[in-house]
Amino acid sequence: MEEERQLLPLEPASATIEGRDGRRRICTGGCERPENVCLCDKLPAQPISTVSQIVILQHPHEQRHKLATVPVLGKCLKNCEIVVGRKLRVGSSSLLDSLFNQAQPGQPHRAIFLFPGTDSMPSMDINEWRSSSVDSCLDRCVMIVFDGTWKHAKEMVTASLPFLSKFA
């Protein structure tokens, strides 16, 4: 004997999360994240100023994620530039273009990129880099960060090395 199952009507519990078109509602208060994970009350009233300038190369796939942290970081830091793409090159960023154009052999690098070292460019501890650099350069230092999966970030670094190796 088979037992009959009674189906209960589903309550629209997801209506608080979904909009009329079935998609999640997005916060319009500033963080642009889904409403149920809104960070607006955590964001600083004014972006925080940093001594260093920060350039983030965000992989296009990361840009599509609604829970991505790079847009939030861009709203929190004053000296933060976000570039969406798969590699850095001339024309990607006016700040990096100026470093590329001003770079001279024998001069200390004014930029560092955060990524584990490779055989061709071994990693350097940040304190080791700071002690080898002229102190006046540290105030104008540019940090370059790669945002993506490990595989994408490695591809982005490798593709960007011809450009970055001149000044970072």
N, C-alpha and C. Protein backbone atom coordinates (compact mmCIF):
# COMPACT_ATOMS: atom_id res chain seq x y z
N MET A 1 0.82 -1.18 0.00
CA MET A 1 0.00 0.00 0.00
C MET A 1 0.87 1.24 0.00
N GLU A 2 0.57 2.02 -0.97
CA GLU A 2 1.32 3.27 -1.08
C GLU A 2 0.66 4.35 -0.27
N GLU A 3 1.50 5.11 0.37
CA GLU A 3 1.02 6.21 1.17
C GLU A 3 0.86 7.44 0.29
N GLU A 4 -0.25 8.10 0.42
CA GLU A 4 -0.44 9.32 -0.35
C GLU A 4 0.24 10.47 0.36
N ARG A 5 0.92 11.29 -0.44
CA ARG A 5 1.60 12.45 0.12
C ARG A 5 0.78 13.68 -0.19
N GLN A 6 0.58 14.44 0.81
CA GLN A 6 -0.16 15.68 0.61
C GLN A 6 0.84 16.81 0.40
N LEU A 7 0.67 17.51 -0.68
CA LEU A 7 1.55 18.64 -0.97
C LEU A 7 0.96 19.90 -0.36
N LEU A 8 1.80 20.58 0.39
CA LEU A 8 1.38 21.83 1.00
C LEU A 8 1.77 22.98 0.08
N PRO A 9 0.96 24.01 0.03
CA PRO A 9 1.33 25.15 -0.81
C PRO A 9 2.60 25.80 -0.26
N LEU A 10 3.49 26.17 -1.18
CA LEU A 10 4.74 26.82 -0.78
C LEU A 10 4.50 28.28 -0.47
N GLU A 11 5.07 28.71 0.63
CA GLU A 11 4.97 30.12 0.96
C GLU A 11 6.06 30.87 0.24
N PRO A 12 5.79 32.09 -0.16
CA PRO A 12 6.80 32.84 -0.90
C PRO A 12 7.89 33.37 0.02
N ALA A 13 8.65 32.47 0.67
CA ALA A 13 9.72 32.86 1.59
C ALA A 13 10.83 33.60 0.85
N SER A 14 11.02 33.27 -0.40
CA SER A 14 12.10 33.91 -1.14
C SER A 14 11.69 35.26 -1.70
N ALA A 15 10.44 35.65 -1.46
CA ALA A 15 9.99 36.94 -1.99
C ALA A 15 10.76 38.10 -1.39
N THR A 16 11.28 37.91 -0.19
CA THR A 16 12.07 38.99 0.41
C THR A 16 13.44 39.11 -0.24
N ILE A 17 13.87 38.04 -0.87
CA ILE A 17 15.18 38.06 -1.52
C ILE A 17 15.04 38.33 -3.02
N GLU A 18 13.99 37.83 -3.61
CA GLU A 18 13.83 37.95 -5.05
C GLU A 18 12.96 39.14 -5.42
N GLY A 19 13.28 39.71 -6.55
CA GLY A 19 12.47 40.79 -7.10
C GLY A 19 11.35 40.20 -7.93
N ARG A 20 10.63 41.05 -8.63
CA ARG A 20 9.49 40.59 -9.44
C ARG A 20 9.92 39.68 -10.58
N ASP A 21 11.14 39.90 -11.09
CA ASP A 21 11.59 39.09 -12.22
C ASP A 21 12.25 37.79 -11.78
N GLY A 22 12.23 37.47 -10.46
CA GLY A 22 12.80 36.23 -9.97
C GLY A 22 14.26 36.35 -9.59
N ARG A 23 14.87 37.50 -9.78
CA ARG A 23 16.26 37.69 -9.41
C ARG A 23 16.36 38.28 -8.01
N ARG A 24 17.52 38.10 -7.41
CA ARG A 24 17.74 38.67 -6.08
C ARG A 24 17.70 40.19 -6.14
N ARG A 25 17.12 40.77 -5.11
CA ARG A 25 17.13 42.23 -5.01
C ARG A 25 18.53 42.68 -4.64
N ILE A 26 18.98 43.73 -5.27
CA ILE A 26 20.31 44.27 -5.02
C ILE A 26 20.18 45.55 -4.22
N CYS A 27 21.04 45.73 -3.25
CA CYS A 27 21.04 46.93 -2.41
C CYS A 27 21.35 48.14 -3.28
N THR A 28 20.60 49.17 -3.09
CA THR A 28 20.83 50.41 -3.82
C THR A 28 21.42 51.48 -2.91
N GLY A 29 21.80 51.09 -1.69
CA GLY A 29 22.33 52.04 -0.72
C GLY A 29 23.81 52.33 -0.87
N GLY A 30 24.50 51.61 -1.75
CA GLY A 30 25.92 51.88 -1.94
C GLY A 30 26.79 50.67 -2.14
N CYS A 31 26.48 49.55 -1.46
CA CYS A 31 27.37 48.39 -1.58
C CYS A 31 27.08 47.55 -2.83
N GLU A 32 25.88 47.65 -3.37
CA GLU A 32 25.47 46.95 -4.59
C GLU A 32 25.60 45.43 -4.47
N ARG A 33 25.41 44.93 -3.28
CA ARG A 33 25.41 43.49 -3.03
C ARG A 33 23.96 43.04 -2.88
N PRO A 34 23.69 41.73 -2.89
CA PRO A 34 22.33 41.28 -2.61
C PRO A 34 21.87 41.82 -1.26
N GLU A 35 20.59 42.19 -1.17
CA GLU A 35 20.07 42.82 0.05
C GLU A 35 20.32 42.00 1.31
N ASN A 36 20.25 40.68 1.20
CA ASN A 36 20.41 39.85 2.41
C ASN A 36 21.86 39.79 2.91
N VAL A 37 22.81 40.31 2.14
CA VAL A 37 24.21 40.38 2.58
C VAL A 37 24.75 41.81 2.40
N CYS A 38 23.87 42.77 2.60
CA CYS A 38 24.21 44.19 2.46
C CYS A 38 25.30 44.58 3.45
N LEU A 39 26.26 45.38 3.00
CA LEU A 39 27.36 45.83 3.85
C LEU A 39 27.35 47.34 4.07
N CYS A 40 26.30 48.01 3.68
CA CYS A 40 26.27 49.47 3.74
C CYS A 40 26.58 50.02 5.13
N ASP A 41 26.07 49.37 6.16
CA ASP A 41 26.31 49.88 7.52
C ASP A 41 27.75 49.63 7.98
N LYS A 42 28.52 48.85 7.22
CA LYS A 42 29.91 48.56 7.55
C LYS A 42 30.89 49.44 6.78
N LEU A 43 30.42 50.08 5.69
CA LEU A 43 31.31 50.90 4.86
C LEU A 43 31.62 52.22 5.57
N PRO A 44 32.84 52.72 5.41
CA PRO A 44 33.16 54.01 6.03
C PRO A 44 32.37 55.13 5.36
N ALA A 45 32.05 56.17 6.13
CA ALA A 45 31.30 57.30 5.59
C ALA A 45 32.07 57.97 4.46
N GLN A 46 33.37 58.07 4.61
CA GLN A 46 34.26 58.63 3.59
C GLN A 46 35.32 57.57 3.28
N PRO A 47 35.72 57.43 2.01
CA PRO A 47 36.79 56.47 1.70
C PRO A 47 38.06 56.79 2.51
N ILE A 48 38.73 55.74 2.94
CA ILE A 48 39.94 55.87 3.75
C ILE A 48 41.12 56.19 2.83
N SER A 49 41.88 57.20 3.21
CA SER A 49 43.06 57.58 2.44
C SER A 49 44.21 56.65 2.79
N THR A 50 44.99 56.26 1.79
CA THR A 50 46.14 55.40 2.00
C THR A 50 47.39 56.11 1.49
N VAL A 51 48.54 55.77 2.06
CA VAL A 51 49.80 56.36 1.61
C VAL A 51 50.11 55.84 0.20
N SER A 52 49.92 54.56 0.01
CA SER A 52 50.18 53.95 -1.30
C SER A 52 48.93 54.02 -2.17
N GLN A 53 49.17 54.04 -3.45
CA GLN A 53 48.06 53.91 -4.39
C GLN A 53 47.93 52.43 -4.71
N ILE A 54 46.70 52.00 -4.96
CA ILE A 54 46.43 50.59 -5.20
C ILE A 54 45.74 50.45 -6.55
N VAL A 55 46.27 49.55 -7.37
CA VAL A 55 45.63 49.22 -8.64
C VAL A 55 45.27 47.74 -8.58
N ILE A 56 44.01 47.43 -8.82
CA ILE A 56 43.54 46.04 -8.78
C ILE A 56 43.13 45.64 -10.19
N LEU A 57 43.77 44.59 -10.71
CA LEU A 57 43.34 44.01 -11.98
C LEU A 57 42.37 42.90 -11.63
N GLN A 58 41.12 43.12 -11.97
CA GLN A 58 40.06 42.15 -11.66
C GLN A 58 39.72 41.36 -12.91
N HIS A 59 39.79 40.05 -12.80
CA HIS A 59 39.44 39.19 -13.93
C HIS A 59 37.96 39.40 -14.26
N PRO A 60 37.60 39.41 -15.55
CA PRO A 60 36.19 39.63 -15.93
C PRO A 60 35.21 38.67 -15.28
N HIS A 61 35.62 37.42 -15.03
CA HIS A 61 34.71 36.48 -14.36
C HIS A 61 34.40 36.90 -12.93
N GLU A 62 35.39 37.49 -12.25
CA GLU A 62 35.18 37.94 -10.87
C GLU A 62 34.20 39.11 -10.82
N GLN A 63 34.20 39.93 -11.84
CA GLN A 63 33.34 41.10 -11.89
C GLN A 63 31.87 40.70 -11.86
N ARG A 64 31.55 39.53 -12.39
CA ARG A 64 30.16 39.09 -12.48
C ARG A 64 29.60 38.57 -11.15
N HIS A 65 30.48 38.27 -10.20
CA HIS A 65 30.02 37.73 -8.93
C HIS A 65 29.45 38.86 -8.06
N LYS A 66 28.22 38.71 -7.63
CA LYS A 66 27.57 39.73 -6.80
C LYS A 66 28.21 39.81 -5.42
N LEU A 67 28.87 38.76 -4.97
CA LEU A 67 29.51 38.78 -3.66
C LEU A 67 30.99 39.15 -3.74
N ALA A 68 31.43 39.64 -4.88
CA ALA A 68 32.83 40.03 -5.05
C ALA A 68 33.19 41.14 -4.06
N THR A 69 34.40 41.09 -3.55
CA THR A 69 34.84 42.07 -2.56
C THR A 69 35.53 43.27 -3.17
N VAL A 70 36.01 43.18 -4.40
CA VAL A 70 36.73 44.29 -5.02
C VAL A 70 35.88 45.56 -5.13
N PRO A 71 34.62 45.49 -5.55
CA PRO A 71 33.83 46.73 -5.58
C PRO A 71 33.68 47.37 -4.20
N VAL A 72 33.57 46.56 -3.16
CA VAL A 72 33.47 47.08 -1.80
C VAL A 72 34.79 47.75 -1.42
N LEU A 73 35.90 47.12 -1.76
CA LEU A 73 37.20 47.70 -1.48
C LEU A 73 37.37 49.04 -2.19
N GLY A 74 36.89 49.10 -3.43
CA GLY A 74 36.95 50.35 -4.18
C GLY A 74 36.16 51.48 -3.53
N LYS A 75 35.11 51.14 -2.80
CA LYS A 75 34.31 52.15 -2.10
C LYS A 75 34.93 52.53 -0.76
N CYS A 76 35.79 51.66 -0.21
CA CYS A 76 36.39 51.90 1.11
C CYS A 76 37.71 52.65 1.05
N LEU A 77 38.45 52.52 -0.05
CA LEU A 77 39.77 53.11 -0.14
C LEU A 77 39.81 54.24 -1.16
N LYS A 78 40.39 55.35 -0.76
CA LYS A 78 40.42 56.54 -1.60
C LYS A 78 41.34 56.38 -2.81
N ASN A 79 42.51 55.79 -2.60
CA ASN A 79 43.52 55.70 -3.65
C ASN A 79 43.51 54.34 -4.32
N CYS A 80 42.35 53.88 -4.68
CA CYS A 80 42.19 52.54 -5.25
C CYS A 80 41.58 52.64 -6.65
N GLU A 81 42.26 52.05 -7.60
CA GLU A 81 41.77 52.02 -8.98
C GLU A 81 41.52 50.57 -9.37
N ILE A 82 40.37 50.32 -9.96
CA ILE A 82 40.01 48.96 -10.38
C ILE A 82 40.01 48.91 -11.90
N VAL A 83 40.79 47.95 -12.42
CA VAL A 83 40.86 47.73 -13.86
C VAL A 83 40.32 46.34 -14.11
N VAL A 84 39.34 46.21 -14.98
CA VAL A 84 38.79 44.89 -15.30
C VAL A 84 39.44 44.43 -16.60
N GLY A 85 40.02 43.24 -16.56
CA GLY A 85 40.68 42.72 -17.75
C GLY A 85 41.47 41.47 -17.43
N ARG A 86 42.19 41.00 -18.44
CA ARG A 86 43.00 39.78 -18.27
C ARG A 86 44.49 40.07 -18.22
N LYS A 87 44.88 41.32 -18.55
CA LYS A 87 46.29 41.68 -18.42
C LYS A 87 46.43 43.20 -18.37
N LEU A 88 47.52 43.63 -17.75
CA LEU A 88 47.85 45.05 -17.70
C LEU A 88 48.76 45.36 -18.87
N ARG A 89 48.49 46.46 -19.52
CA ARG A 89 49.29 46.90 -20.67
C ARG A 89 49.14 48.40 -20.79
N VAL A 90 49.90 48.98 -21.68
CA VAL A 90 49.78 50.42 -21.91
C VAL A 90 48.33 50.72 -22.27
N GLY A 91 47.77 51.71 -21.60
CA GLY A 91 46.37 52.08 -21.84
C GLY A 91 45.41 51.52 -20.81
N SER A 92 45.85 50.57 -19.98
CA SER A 92 44.97 50.00 -18.96
C SER A 92 44.71 50.98 -17.83
N SER A 93 45.75 51.72 -17.45
CA SER A 93 45.66 52.62 -16.30
C SER A 93 46.60 53.80 -16.54
N SER A 94 46.10 55.01 -16.40
CA SER A 94 46.96 56.18 -16.61
C SER A 94 48.07 56.22 -15.55
N LEU A 95 47.79 55.76 -14.33
CA LEU A 95 48.80 55.73 -13.29
C LEU A 95 49.94 54.78 -13.67
N LEU A 96 49.60 53.57 -14.10
CA LEU A 96 50.63 52.61 -14.49
C LEU A 96 51.34 53.05 -15.77
N ASP A 97 50.61 53.70 -16.67
CA ASP A 97 51.24 54.22 -17.88
C ASP A 97 52.32 55.24 -17.53
N SER A 98 52.05 56.10 -16.54
CA SER A 98 53.04 57.10 -16.15
C SER A 98 54.27 56.43 -15.55
N LEU A 99 54.09 55.38 -14.76
CA LEU A 99 55.23 54.64 -14.21
C LEU A 99 56.03 53.97 -15.32
N PHE A 100 55.33 53.41 -16.28
CA PHE A 100 55.96 52.74 -17.41
C PHE A 100 56.79 53.74 -18.21
N ASN A 101 56.24 54.92 -18.46
CA ASN A 101 56.93 55.93 -19.26
C ASN A 101 58.08 56.59 -18.52
N GLN A 102 58.02 56.65 -17.19
CA GLN A 102 59.07 57.31 -16.40
C GLN A 102 60.15 56.36 -15.92
N ALA A 103 59.95 55.06 -16.10
CA ALA A 103 60.91 54.08 -15.59
C ALA A 103 62.26 54.25 -16.25
N GLN A 104 63.31 54.20 -15.42
CA GLN A 104 64.68 54.29 -15.92
C GLN A 104 65.49 53.16 -15.32
N PRO A 105 66.38 52.57 -16.12
CA PRO A 105 67.22 51.48 -15.59
C PRO A 105 68.04 51.97 -14.40
N GLY A 106 68.17 51.13 -13.38
CA GLY A 106 68.96 51.48 -12.21
C GLY A 106 68.20 52.24 -11.14
N GLN A 107 67.04 52.76 -11.46
CA GLN A 107 66.23 53.48 -10.48
C GLN A 107 65.39 52.47 -9.70
N PRO A 108 65.11 52.78 -8.42
CA PRO A 108 64.27 51.85 -7.65
C PRO A 108 62.86 51.77 -8.25
N HIS A 109 62.32 50.58 -8.17
CA HIS A 109 60.95 50.39 -8.66
C HIS A 109 59.99 51.13 -7.76
N ARG A 110 58.99 51.75 -8.36
CA ARG A 110 57.98 52.48 -7.59
C ARG A 110 56.70 51.68 -7.43
N ALA A 111 56.71 50.46 -7.90
CA ALA A 111 55.50 49.64 -7.81
C ALA A 111 55.88 48.22 -7.42
N ILE A 112 54.97 47.59 -6.69
CA ILE A 112 55.12 46.17 -6.36
C ILE A 112 53.82 45.48 -6.73
N PHE A 113 53.92 44.24 -7.15
CA PHE A 113 52.68 43.50 -7.36
C PHE A 113 52.65 42.33 -6.40
N LEU A 114 51.48 42.11 -5.86
CA LEU A 114 51.29 41.09 -4.85
C LEU A 114 50.89 39.78 -5.51
N PHE A 115 51.84 38.87 -5.53
CA PHE A 115 51.59 37.55 -6.09
C PHE A 115 52.78 36.68 -5.75
N PRO A 116 52.58 35.38 -5.46
CA PRO A 116 53.73 34.51 -5.19
C PRO A 116 54.71 34.53 -6.36
N GLY A 117 55.99 34.40 -6.05
CA GLY A 117 57.04 34.48 -7.06
C GLY A 117 57.00 33.37 -8.07
N THR A 118 57.68 33.61 -9.17
CA THR A 118 57.85 32.62 -10.23
C THR A 118 59.35 32.38 -10.37
N ASP A 119 59.74 31.42 -11.19
CA ASP A 119 61.17 31.18 -11.40
C ASP A 119 61.85 32.40 -12.02
N SER A 120 61.16 33.07 -12.95
CA SER A 120 61.75 34.22 -13.62
C SER A 120 61.72 35.47 -12.75
N MET A 121 60.79 35.56 -11.82
CA MET A 121 60.69 36.70 -10.91
C MET A 121 60.42 36.17 -9.51
N PRO A 122 61.49 35.81 -8.78
CA PRO A 122 61.25 35.26 -7.45
C PRO A 122 60.59 36.27 -6.53
N SER A 123 59.80 35.77 -5.60
CA SER A 123 59.12 36.66 -4.68
C SER A 123 60.11 37.27 -3.71
N MET A 124 59.74 38.42 -3.18
CA MET A 124 60.58 39.13 -2.22
C MET A 124 59.71 39.52 -1.04
N ASP A 125 60.21 39.30 0.13
CA ASP A 125 59.51 39.72 1.33
C ASP A 125 59.34 41.24 1.30
N ILE A 126 58.19 41.73 1.71
CA ILE A 126 57.91 43.17 1.64
C ILE A 126 58.92 43.97 2.47
N ASN A 127 59.36 43.43 3.61
CA ASN A 127 60.35 44.14 4.43
C ASN A 127 61.71 44.20 3.73
N GLU A 128 62.06 43.13 3.02
CA GLU A 128 63.29 43.13 2.24
C GLU A 128 63.22 44.17 1.13
N TRP A 129 62.06 44.25 0.48
CA TRP A 129 61.88 45.25 -0.59
C TRP A 129 61.97 46.66 -0.01
N ARG A 130 61.32 46.88 1.12
CA ARG A 130 61.34 48.21 1.75
C ARG A 130 62.76 48.62 2.11
N SER A 131 63.56 47.71 2.65
CA SER A 131 64.92 48.06 3.05
C SER A 131 65.82 48.30 1.85
N SER A 132 65.48 47.72 0.71
CA SER A 132 66.31 47.93 -0.49
C SER A 132 65.86 49.15 -1.30
N SER A 133 64.74 49.76 -0.94
CA SER A 133 64.21 50.90 -1.68
C SER A 133 64.56 52.20 -0.97
N VAL A 134 64.58 53.25 -1.72
CA VAL A 134 64.80 54.56 -1.15
C VAL A 134 63.53 54.96 -0.41
N ASP A 135 63.69 55.46 0.83
CA ASP A 135 62.53 55.80 1.66
C ASP A 135 61.56 56.74 0.99
N SER A 136 62.05 57.68 0.20
CA SER A 136 61.15 58.63 -0.45
C SER A 136 60.25 57.95 -1.47
N CYS A 137 60.68 56.82 -1.99
CA CYS A 137 59.86 56.08 -2.95
C CYS A 137 58.68 55.39 -2.28
N LEU A 138 58.86 55.07 -1.00
CA LEU A 138 57.81 54.33 -0.30
C LEU A 138 56.52 55.14 -0.19
N ASP A 139 56.66 56.45 -0.06
CA ASP A 139 55.47 57.29 0.04
C ASP A 139 54.68 57.33 -1.26
N ARG A 140 55.35 57.07 -2.34
CA ARG A 140 54.69 57.14 -3.65
C ARG A 140 54.55 55.76 -4.27
N CYS A 141 54.65 54.75 -3.46
CA CYS A 141 54.59 53.37 -3.93
C CYS A 141 53.19 53.03 -4.47
N VAL A 142 53.18 52.22 -5.49
CA VAL A 142 51.93 51.73 -6.06
C VAL A 142 51.89 50.22 -5.86
N MET A 143 50.81 49.72 -5.26
CA MET A 143 50.62 48.28 -5.10
C MET A 143 49.67 47.79 -6.17
N ILE A 144 50.07 46.73 -6.84
CA ILE A 144 49.26 46.13 -7.90
C ILE A 144 48.80 44.77 -7.40
N VAL A 145 47.48 44.55 -7.45
CA VAL A 145 46.88 43.32 -6.93
C VAL A 145 46.10 42.65 -8.05
N PHE A 146 46.19 41.33 -8.10
CA PHE A 146 45.46 40.56 -9.11
C PHE A 146 44.31 39.83 -8.44
N ASP A 147 43.09 40.04 -8.93
CA ASP A 147 41.90 39.44 -8.34
C ASP A 147 41.31 38.42 -9.30
N GLY A 148 41.35 37.17 -8.89
CA GLY A 148 40.79 36.09 -9.69
C GLY A 148 41.06 34.77 -8.98
N THR A 149 40.65 33.69 -9.59
CA THR A 149 41.02 32.39 -9.04
C THR A 149 42.54 32.29 -9.16
N TRP A 150 43.15 31.34 -8.46
CA TRP A 150 44.61 31.20 -8.56
C TRP A 150 45.02 31.00 -10.01
N LYS A 151 44.28 30.19 -10.74
CA LYS A 151 44.62 29.94 -12.14
C LYS A 151 44.53 31.23 -12.96
N HIS A 152 43.44 31.97 -12.80
CA HIS A 152 43.28 33.22 -13.54
C HIS A 152 44.33 34.25 -13.13
N ALA A 153 44.59 34.36 -11.84
CA ALA A 153 45.58 35.33 -11.37
C ALA A 153 46.96 35.01 -11.93
N LYS A 154 47.33 33.75 -11.97
CA LYS A 154 48.63 33.35 -12.53
C LYS A 154 48.69 33.72 -14.02
N GLU A 155 47.62 33.46 -14.75
CA GLU A 155 47.57 33.84 -16.16
C GLU A 155 47.67 35.35 -16.33
N MET A 156 47.01 36.10 -15.45
CA MET A 156 47.03 37.58 -15.54
C MET A 156 48.42 38.12 -15.26
N VAL A 157 49.11 37.56 -14.26
CA VAL A 157 50.47 38.00 -13.96
C VAL A 157 51.39 37.69 -15.14
N THR A 158 51.33 36.47 -15.64
CA THR A 158 52.18 36.08 -16.76
C THR A 158 51.94 36.96 -17.98
N ALA A 159 50.69 37.25 -18.28
CA ALA A 159 50.36 38.10 -19.43
C ALA A 159 50.78 39.55 -19.21
N SER A 160 50.83 39.99 -17.96
CA SER A 160 51.16 41.38 -17.63
C SER A 160 52.66 41.62 -17.46
N LEU A 161 53.46 40.57 -17.31
CA LEU A 161 54.88 40.73 -17.02
C LEU A 161 55.65 41.58 -18.04
N PRO A 162 55.40 41.46 -19.35
CA PRO A 162 56.15 42.31 -20.28
C PRO A 162 55.96 43.81 -19.97
N PHE A 163 54.79 44.19 -19.52
CA PHE A 163 54.50 45.57 -19.17
C PHE A 163 55.05 45.90 -17.77
N LEU A 164 54.75 45.04 -16.79
CA LEU A 164 55.12 45.31 -15.40
C LEU A 164 56.62 45.26 -15.15
N SER A 165 57.34 44.41 -15.86
CA SER A 165 58.76 44.20 -15.55
C SER A 165 59.60 45.45 -15.73
N LYS A 166 59.09 46.45 -16.42
CA LYS A 166 59.83 47.69 -16.62
C LYS A 166 59.82 48.57 -15.36
N PHE A 167 58.79 48.47 -14.52
CA PHE A 167 58.68 49.39 -13.39
C PHE A 167 58.24 48.73 -12.08
N ALA A 168 57.95 47.44 -12.06
CA ALA A 168 57.46 46.80 -10.83
C ALA A 168 58.30 45.58 -10.49
